[in-house]
Amino acid sequence: MDFNLSIPVNVISGENCIAKNSEKLLAFGKRCIIVTGGKSALLSGALKDVSSALEKENIQYTVFSEVGPNPLLSVCRRGGELARSFGADFVLGIGGGSPLDAAKAVAVFAANEKMTEREIYTLKERNRALPIVLVGTTAGTGSEVGRVSVLSDDETGRKKSIAYEDCNPALTFADSRYTHSMPYSVTVSTALDALCHALEGYFSSKCTDIPTMFGEKGVSMIWQGLKQLRETKALPEKEMRAQLYYGSLYAGITLAYCGTAFPHPLGYVLTENYGVAHGTACAVFLCDFMKKARLFEKEKTEKILSLTNETFESFCQTIEELLEVPEIKMTEEEIEKYCSRWSEVIPNNFRFTPGGYTKDEAQQLFIEKFM
């Protein structure tokens, strides 16, 4: 029995949890920068609730709302500059994966004035990031409960992650009401992302008893929501919204412990070059991943199928029917270029895939799917 346990994030959940616990924000200082995207924070009601809580506690704040999908290093650095000029004591991120990941990077840049954009990936000697508070508005990212932040390089467009200890949020408010404003397509894509987090982590060679428990719970909850989304083609009711959201948090804890496997780096290619939403892009490769899992982790695969009440075939059919991906065609030269990033440096996502994974396997999979 393995019992390695470290959960540094303080999560407060439930309806109106921000208003009920606003005094906890005082622990982080008297000045705050709110990091958001363009719409979700406002439409969900989360920005209003956060603003009210800050005003109630006499915490001054400014809003940085420039974060777009797949947050750019340059945008995060600008956010850090604004945080410094405002004299922010802490960073509060509101939104889906992009704003939450950006908030972590903003916290690092804010504390390190001379850091260049790319040095956020490599600089070892630096000041500790500002404290981070997060409020999620989608049921998929898992960023609320972990330290990973996925950022995009302005010059190359490639996505690359940081996972520093000081990027763990100090406090997360988890209120599923904020997910109610998600349209159908975003609801599906983020739920698929959460499922990928749960399964890729669950089958990792790093997965011990604790993340296994969270992964199984997450898969069970998320799968019920995905089945309903496939069958009804309609937005879920309040209860299912909550189930999807909390399922994504369970999956996020598994992700925080174990990381992801090959569907994530392969999915980045579809997001970077073809504009496919992140969760959907990763799920394009999920059934191929499950085939590897069935070969090398047969017992755990059977456990997942029993939790979802599916056969392997019906499980994959459900995933395929939920994918909304335009036809993608690649040339052999394009595939070689996309896969060349894995020629010298094998990412941990490959190493921790059941049975391991190689650049040649990735290239062959792209050929089968897109040529």
Protein backbone atom coordinates (compact mmCIF):
# COMPACT_ATOMS: atom_id res chain seq x y z
CA MET A 1 0.00 0.00 0.00
CA ASP A 2 1.39 3.39 -1.05
CA PHE A 3 0.42 6.44 0.96
CA ASN A 4 2.45 9.37 -0.34
CA LEU A 5 0.25 12.40 0.29
CA SER A 6 0.87 16.10 -0.29
CA ILE A 7 -2.08 18.40 -1.03
CA PRO A 8 -0.84 21.96 -0.56
CA VAL A 9 -3.98 23.62 -1.97
CA ASN A 10 -6.70 24.84 0.38
CA VAL A 11 -10.00 24.22 -1.45
CA ILE A 12 -13.24 25.78 -0.21
CA SER A 13 -16.27 24.53 -2.12
CA GLY A 14 -20.00 25.02 -2.25
CA GLU A 15 -22.60 27.50 -3.42
CA ASN A 16 -21.68 31.11 -2.57
CA CYS A 17 -18.42 29.95 -1.00
CA ILE A 18 -16.65 33.19 -1.94
CA ALA A 19 -19.14 35.43 -0.15
CA LYS A 20 -19.22 33.12 2.87
CA ASN A 21 -15.42 33.03 3.19
CA SER A 22 -14.31 36.46 1.95
CA GLU A 23 -12.31 37.11 5.11
CA LYS A 24 -9.83 34.40 4.08
CA LEU A 25 -8.58 36.74 1.34
CA LEU A 26 -7.13 39.05 3.98
CA ALA A 27 -4.37 36.55 4.66
CA PHE A 28 -2.80 37.42 1.30
CA GLY A 29 -2.62 41.20 1.56
CA LYS A 30 -4.52 44.40 0.82
CA ARG A 31 -3.92 44.80 -2.92
CA CYS A 32 -4.82 42.26 -5.61
CA ILE A 33 -4.63 41.82 -9.37
CA ILE A 34 -7.49 39.83 -10.91
CA VAL A 35 -6.41 37.83 -13.98
CA THR A 36 -9.23 36.84 -16.36
CA GLY A 37 -10.12 36.16 -19.96
CA GLY A 38 -12.54 38.20 -22.00
CA LYS A 39 -15.94 36.76 -21.08
CA SER A 40 -16.21 33.78 -18.76
CA ALA A 41 -15.46 35.64 -15.53
CA LEU A 42 -18.16 38.18 -16.30
CA LEU A 43 -20.82 35.89 -17.78
CA SER A 44 -20.49 33.32 -15.02
CA GLY A 45 -20.98 35.85 -12.25
CA ALA A 46 -17.63 34.95 -10.70
CA LEU A 47 -16.08 38.38 -11.31
CA LYS A 48 -18.99 40.09 -9.61
CA ASP A 49 -18.76 37.79 -6.59
CA VAL A 50 -14.99 38.21 -6.34
CA SER A 51 -15.23 42.00 -6.65
CA SER A 52 -17.88 42.12 -3.94
CA ALA A 53 -15.77 39.98 -1.63
CA LEU A 54 -12.67 42.12 -2.15
CA GLU A 55 -14.62 45.33 -1.57
CA LYS A 56 -16.20 43.88 1.55
CA GLU A 57 -12.73 43.20 2.98
CA ASN A 58 -11.37 46.60 1.81
CA ILE A 59 -8.89 44.95 -0.54
CA GLN A 60 -7.99 47.17 -3.48
CA TYR A 61 -7.84 45.49 -6.88
CA THR A 62 -7.20 45.98 -10.55
CA VAL A 63 -8.34 43.72 -13.41
CA PHE A 64 -6.10 42.27 -16.12
CA SER A 65 -8.42 40.77 -18.75
CA GLU A 66 -6.09 40.23 -21.71
CA VAL A 67 -5.74 36.45 -21.40
CA GLY A 68 -6.85 34.51 -24.47
CA PRO A 69 -6.93 30.79 -25.23
CA ASN A 70 -3.53 29.12 -24.84
CA PRO A 71 -2.01 32.06 -22.91
CA LEU A 72 1.06 33.69 -24.42
CA LEU A 73 4.24 34.32 -22.47
CA SER A 74 4.14 37.98 -23.50
CA VAL A 75 0.62 38.42 -22.15
CA CYS A 76 1.55 36.83 -18.82
CA ARG A 77 4.62 39.06 -18.56
CA ARG A 78 2.44 42.15 -19.16
CA GLY A 79 0.18 40.93 -16.39
CA GLY A 80 3.20 40.65 -14.12
CA GLU A 81 4.24 44.21 -14.97
CA LEU A 82 0.75 45.50 -14.13
CA ALA A 83 0.80 43.58 -10.85
CA ARG A 84 4.11 45.21 -9.90
CA SER A 85 3.05 48.74 -10.88
CA PHE A 86 -0.18 48.33 -8.91
CA GLY A 87 1.70 46.96 -5.93
CA ALA A 88 -0.31 43.74 -5.83
CA ASP A 89 0.23 41.48 -2.85
CA PHE A 90 -1.44 38.51 -4.52
CA VAL A 91 -2.93 37.26 -7.79
CA LEU A 92 -6.52 36.08 -8.17
CA GLY A 93 -7.29 34.08 -11.32
CA ILE A 94 -10.85 33.61 -12.61
CA GLY A 95 -11.81 31.44 -15.56
CA GLY A 96 -11.08 28.20 -17.33
CA GLY A 97 -7.68 26.67 -17.87
CA SER A 98 -6.14 29.57 -19.78
CA PRO A 99 -6.79 32.35 -17.21
CA LEU A 100 -5.94 30.07 -14.29
CA ASP A 101 -2.68 28.95 -15.89
CA ALA A 102 -1.92 32.57 -16.82
CA ALA A 103 -2.53 33.68 -13.23
CA LYS A 104 0.27 31.36 -12.08
CA ALA A 105 2.67 32.79 -14.64
CA VAL A 106 1.63 36.36 -13.79
CA ALA A 107 2.46 35.60 -10.14
CA VAL A 108 5.97 34.48 -11.16
CA PHE A 109 6.63 37.45 -13.46
CA ALA A 110 5.25 39.90 -10.89
CA ALA A 111 7.88 38.82 -8.37
CA ASN A 112 10.75 38.80 -10.88
CA GLU A 113 11.05 42.11 -12.73
CA LYS A 114 14.14 41.21 -14.79
CA MET A 115 12.99 37.75 -15.85
CA THR A 116 12.62 37.39 -19.62
CA GLU A 117 9.64 35.57 -21.06
CA ARG A 118 11.37 32.27 -21.81
CA GLU A 119 13.34 32.31 -18.56
CA ILE A 120 10.14 31.35 -16.77
CA TYR A 121 10.83 27.83 -18.06
CA THR A 122 14.44 27.63 -16.92
CA LEU A 123 15.48 30.25 -14.36
CA LYS A 124 16.27 28.47 -11.10
CA GLU A 125 17.41 31.40 -8.97
CA ARG A 126 14.43 33.74 -8.68
CA ASN A 127 12.06 35.30 -6.19
CA ARG A 128 9.10 33.29 -4.98
CA ALA A 129 5.87 33.89 -6.90
CA LEU A 130 3.14 36.02 -5.37
CA PRO A 131 0.42 34.05 -3.54
CA ILE A 132 -2.23 32.69 -5.92
CA VAL A 133 -6.00 32.41 -5.39
CA LEU A 134 -8.09 30.68 -8.08
CA VAL A 135 -11.76 30.53 -9.06
CA GLY A 136 -12.68 28.06 -11.82
CA THR A 137 -15.50 28.64 -14.30
CA THR A 138 -15.22 25.44 -16.36
CA ALA A 139 -15.48 21.75 -15.48
CA GLY A 140 -12.30 20.49 -17.01
CA THR A 141 -9.05 22.29 -16.35
CA GLY A 142 -7.98 20.87 -12.99
CA SER A 143 -5.70 23.91 -12.71
CA GLU A 144 -7.46 24.93 -9.50
CA VAL A 145 -5.88 22.08 -7.56
CA GLY A 146 -2.38 21.82 -9.02
CA ARG A 147 0.80 23.68 -9.84
CA VAL A 148 0.96 23.10 -13.61
CA SER A 149 0.64 26.07 -15.94
CA VAL A 150 0.64 25.51 -19.72
CA LEU A 151 1.93 28.52 -21.65
CA SER A 152 2.45 29.29 -25.35
CA ASP A 153 5.67 30.65 -26.82
CA ASP A 154 4.97 33.80 -28.87
CA GLU A 155 7.58 33.00 -31.51
CA THR A 156 6.95 29.30 -32.08
CA GLY A 157 3.33 28.98 -30.94
CA ARG A 158 4.30 25.83 -29.06
CA LYS A 159 2.79 24.99 -25.70
CA LYS A 160 5.07 24.13 -22.80
CA SER A 161 4.34 23.80 -19.11
CA ILE A 162 5.85 24.94 -15.84
CA ALA A 163 5.14 23.12 -12.59
CA TYR A 164 6.86 24.96 -9.77
CA GLU A 165 5.93 24.42 -6.15
CA ASP A 166 5.17 28.12 -5.70
CA CYS A 167 2.64 27.90 -8.53
CA ASN A 168 0.35 25.83 -6.34
CA PRO A 169 -2.66 28.00 -5.50
CA ALA A 170 -2.75 28.99 -1.86
CA LEU A 171 -6.55 29.04 -1.96
CA THR A 172 -9.19 27.83 -4.41
CA PHE A 173 -12.88 28.68 -4.36
CA ALA A 174 -14.90 25.90 -6.02
CA ASP A 175 -18.49 26.90 -6.84
CA SER A 176 -20.09 24.88 -9.64
CA ARG A 177 -22.59 27.69 -10.34
CA TYR A 178 -19.91 29.40 -12.36
CA THR A 179 -19.91 26.59 -14.92
CA HIS A 180 -23.58 27.13 -15.82
CA SER A 181 -22.76 29.74 -18.46
CA MET A 182 -20.67 27.32 -20.55
CA PRO A 183 -22.20 26.54 -23.97
CA TYR A 184 -22.64 22.94 -25.10
CA SER A 185 -19.40 22.71 -27.11
CA VAL A 186 -17.29 24.04 -24.25
CA THR A 187 -19.08 21.78 -21.77
CA VAL A 188 -18.20 18.74 -23.88
CA SER A 189 -14.61 19.76 -24.59
CA THR A 190 -13.80 20.58 -20.96
CA ALA A 191 -15.40 17.35 -19.75
CA LEU A 192 -13.28 15.41 -22.24
CA ASP A 193 -10.23 17.26 -20.93
CA ALA A 194 -11.10 16.25 -17.38
CA LEU A 195 -11.56 12.63 -18.47
CA CYS A 196 -8.12 12.72 -20.11
CA HIS A 197 -6.61 14.09 -16.90
CA ALA A 198 -8.14 11.30 -14.86
CA LEU A 199 -7.24 8.47 -17.22
CA GLU A 200 -3.76 9.61 -18.27
CA GLY A 201 -2.84 10.08 -14.62
CA TYR A 202 -4.54 6.88 -13.49
CA PHE A 203 -2.53 4.72 -15.87
CA SER A 204 0.77 6.51 -15.22
CA SER A 205 3.59 4.52 -13.67
CA LYS A 206 3.68 7.29 -11.05
CA CYS A 207 0.13 6.57 -9.88
CA THR A 208 -0.02 5.35 -6.28
CA ASP A 209 -3.03 4.61 -4.07
CA ILE A 210 -4.15 8.19 -3.39
CA PRO A 211 -4.32 9.43 -7.01
CA THR A 212 -5.83 6.07 -7.99
CA MET A 213 -8.70 6.73 -5.61
CA PHE A 214 -9.28 10.25 -6.92
CA GLY A 215 -8.95 9.08 -10.53
CA GLU A 216 -11.60 6.37 -10.17
CA LYS A 217 -13.98 8.80 -8.48
CA GLY A 218 -13.37 11.40 -11.17
CA VAL A 219 -13.87 8.99 -14.07
CA SER A 220 -17.14 7.71 -12.63
CA MET A 221 -18.59 11.21 -12.20
CA ILE A 222 -17.33 12.65 -15.48
CA TRP A 223 -18.45 9.65 -17.52
CA GLN A 224 -22.06 9.99 -16.36
CA GLY A 225 -22.01 13.58 -17.57
CA LEU A 226 -20.44 12.70 -20.91
CA LYS A 227 -23.00 9.96 -21.52
CA GLN A 228 -25.80 12.42 -20.84
CA LEU A 229 -24.25 15.02 -23.14
CA ARG A 230 -23.97 12.47 -25.93
CA GLU A 231 -27.52 11.20 -25.53
CA THR A 232 -29.36 14.51 -25.06
CA LYS A 233 -27.20 16.89 -27.12
CA ALA A 234 -28.37 19.46 -24.59
CA LEU A 235 -26.90 21.42 -21.71
CA PRO A 236 -26.92 19.57 -18.38
CA GLU A 237 -29.09 20.59 -15.44
CA LYS A 238 -27.72 22.06 -12.22
CA GLU A 239 -27.07 18.70 -10.54
CA MET A 240 -25.11 17.32 -13.48
CA ARG A 241 -23.17 20.58 -13.82
CA ALA A 242 -22.06 20.12 -10.22
CA GLN A 243 -21.15 16.48 -10.83
CA LEU A 244 -19.03 17.37 -13.84
CA TYR A 245 -17.31 20.16 -11.94
CA TYR A 246 -16.43 18.15 -8.86
CA GLY A 247 -15.44 15.23 -11.08
CA SER A 248 -12.99 17.57 -12.82
CA LEU A 249 -11.48 18.50 -9.45
CA TYR A 250 -10.99 14.83 -8.54
CA ALA A 251 -9.37 14.33 -11.95
CA GLY A 252 -7.27 17.44 -11.33
CA ILE A 253 -5.86 15.95 -8.15
CA THR A 254 -4.84 12.81 -10.07
CA LEU A 255 -3.29 15.10 -12.68
CA ALA A 256 -1.40 17.04 -10.00
CA TYR A 257 0.13 13.83 -8.65
CA CYS A 258 0.82 11.95 -11.87
CA GLY A 259 0.87 14.32 -14.83
CA THR A 260 -0.40 13.36 -18.27
CA ALA A 261 0.54 10.78 -20.91
CA PHE A 262 0.91 11.02 -24.69
CA PRO A 263 -2.58 12.35 -25.61
CA HIS A 264 -1.67 15.76 -24.20
CA PRO A 265 1.52 16.52 -26.17
CA LEU A 266 -0.05 15.06 -29.32
CA GLY A 267 -3.16 17.13 -28.70
CA TYR A 268 -1.03 20.27 -28.49
CA VAL A 269 -0.23 19.83 -32.19
CA LEU A 270 -3.92 19.98 -33.11
CA THR A 271 -4.49 23.04 -30.92
CA GLU A 272 -1.40 24.92 -32.10
CA ASN A 273 -1.80 24.25 -35.81
CA TYR A 274 -5.48 23.52 -36.43
CA GLY A 275 -7.32 25.48 -33.74
CA VAL A 276 -8.91 22.43 -32.09
CA ALA A 277 -10.07 23.12 -28.53
CA HIS A 278 -7.61 21.71 -26.00
CA GLY A 279 -9.83 19.10 -24.35
CA THR A 280 -11.15 17.82 -27.67
CA ALA A 281 -7.63 17.74 -29.15
CA CYS A 282 -6.36 15.52 -26.34
CA ALA A 283 -9.42 13.25 -26.54
CA VAL A 284 -8.74 12.62 -30.24
CA PHE A 285 -5.95 10.32 -29.01
CA LEU A 286 -7.68 8.95 -25.91
CA CYS A 287 -8.87 5.67 -27.40
CA ASP A 288 -5.40 5.03 -28.80
CA PHE A 289 -4.07 5.62 -25.30
CA MET A 290 -6.62 3.21 -23.85
CA LYS A 291 -5.45 0.55 -26.29
CA LYS A 292 -1.96 0.88 -24.77
CA ALA A 293 -3.48 0.75 -21.30
CA ARG A 294 -5.38 -2.43 -22.16
CA LEU A 295 -2.12 -4.08 -23.24
CA PHE A 296 0.03 -3.06 -20.28
CA GLU A 297 -2.49 -2.37 -17.48
CA LYS A 298 -5.23 -4.92 -18.14
CA GLU A 299 -6.57 -5.06 -14.59
CA LYS A 300 -6.84 -1.28 -14.24
CA THR A 301 -8.48 -1.04 -17.66
CA GLU A 302 -11.13 -3.53 -16.59
CA LYS A 303 -11.69 -1.46 -13.47
CA ILE A 304 -12.34 1.65 -15.54
CA LEU A 305 -14.73 -0.21 -17.83
CA SER A 306 -16.63 -1.52 -14.82
CA LEU A 307 -16.86 2.00 -13.34
CA THR A 308 -18.30 3.32 -16.60
CA ASN A 309 -20.43 0.22 -17.23
CA GLU A 310 -19.02 -0.02 -20.75
CA THR A 311 -17.27 -2.49 -22.97
CA PHE A 312 -14.02 -1.28 -24.48
CA GLU A 313 -15.81 -0.82 -27.81
CA SER A 314 -18.76 1.13 -26.39
CA PHE A 315 -16.40 3.30 -24.33
CA CYS A 316 -14.47 4.32 -27.44
CA GLN A 317 -17.65 4.77 -29.47
CA THR A 318 -18.95 7.27 -26.92
CA ILE A 319 -15.70 9.25 -27.09
CA GLU A 320 -15.72 9.27 -30.88
CA GLU A 321 -19.32 10.48 -31.03
CA LEU A 322 -18.54 13.38 -28.71
CA LEU A 323 -15.57 14.61 -30.75
CA GLU A 324 -16.38 17.59 -32.94
CA VAL A 325 -13.24 17.92 -35.03
CA PRO A 326 -13.08 19.23 -38.59
CA GLU A 327 -11.36 16.99 -41.10
CA ILE A 328 -7.61 17.36 -40.71
CA LYS A 329 -5.19 16.38 -43.42
CA MET A 330 -1.41 16.40 -42.98
CA THR A 331 1.41 15.74 -45.39
CA GLU A 332 4.24 13.41 -44.49
CA GLU A 333 6.56 16.43 -44.27
CA GLU A 334 4.21 18.22 -41.88
CA ILE A 335 3.94 15.17 -39.65
CA GLU A 336 7.71 14.82 -39.52
CA LYS A 337 7.99 18.49 -38.55
CA TYR A 338 5.36 18.19 -35.83
CA CYS A 339 6.97 15.09 -34.37
CA SER A 340 10.54 16.35 -34.61
CA ARG A 341 10.15 18.07 -31.23
CA TRP A 342 10.24 14.61 -29.62
CA SER A 343 13.33 13.34 -31.46
CA GLU A 344 15.90 14.39 -28.87
CA VAL A 345 13.97 15.18 -25.71
CA ILE A 346 11.44 12.51 -24.77
CA PRO A 347 8.79 14.19 -22.60
CA ASN A 348 7.69 12.65 -19.33
CA ASN A 349 4.24 12.29 -20.92
CA PHE A 350 5.78 9.58 -23.12
CA ARG A 351 7.82 7.94 -20.37
CA PHE A 352 4.84 7.52 -18.04
CA THR A 353 2.51 6.12 -20.71
CA PRO A 354 1.79 2.41 -20.07
CA GLY A 355 4.51 0.48 -21.86
CA GLY A 356 6.30 3.74 -22.75
CA TYR A 357 5.89 5.75 -25.93
CA THR A 358 8.24 6.95 -28.65
CA LYS A 359 8.47 9.62 -31.32
CA ASP A 360 8.14 6.90 -33.99
CA GLU A 361 4.89 5.66 -32.44
CA ALA A 362 3.54 9.21 -32.39
CA GLN A 363 4.52 9.72 -36.01
CA GLN A 364 2.85 6.50 -37.09
CA LEU A 365 -0.33 7.45 -35.24
CA PHE A 366 -0.45 10.82 -37.00
CA ILE A 367 0.02 9.04 -40.35
CA GLU A 368 -2.86 6.66 -39.59
CA LYS A 369 -5.21 9.43 -38.50
CA PHE A 370 -4.40 12.34 -40.74
CA MET A 371 -2.92 11.13 -44.06
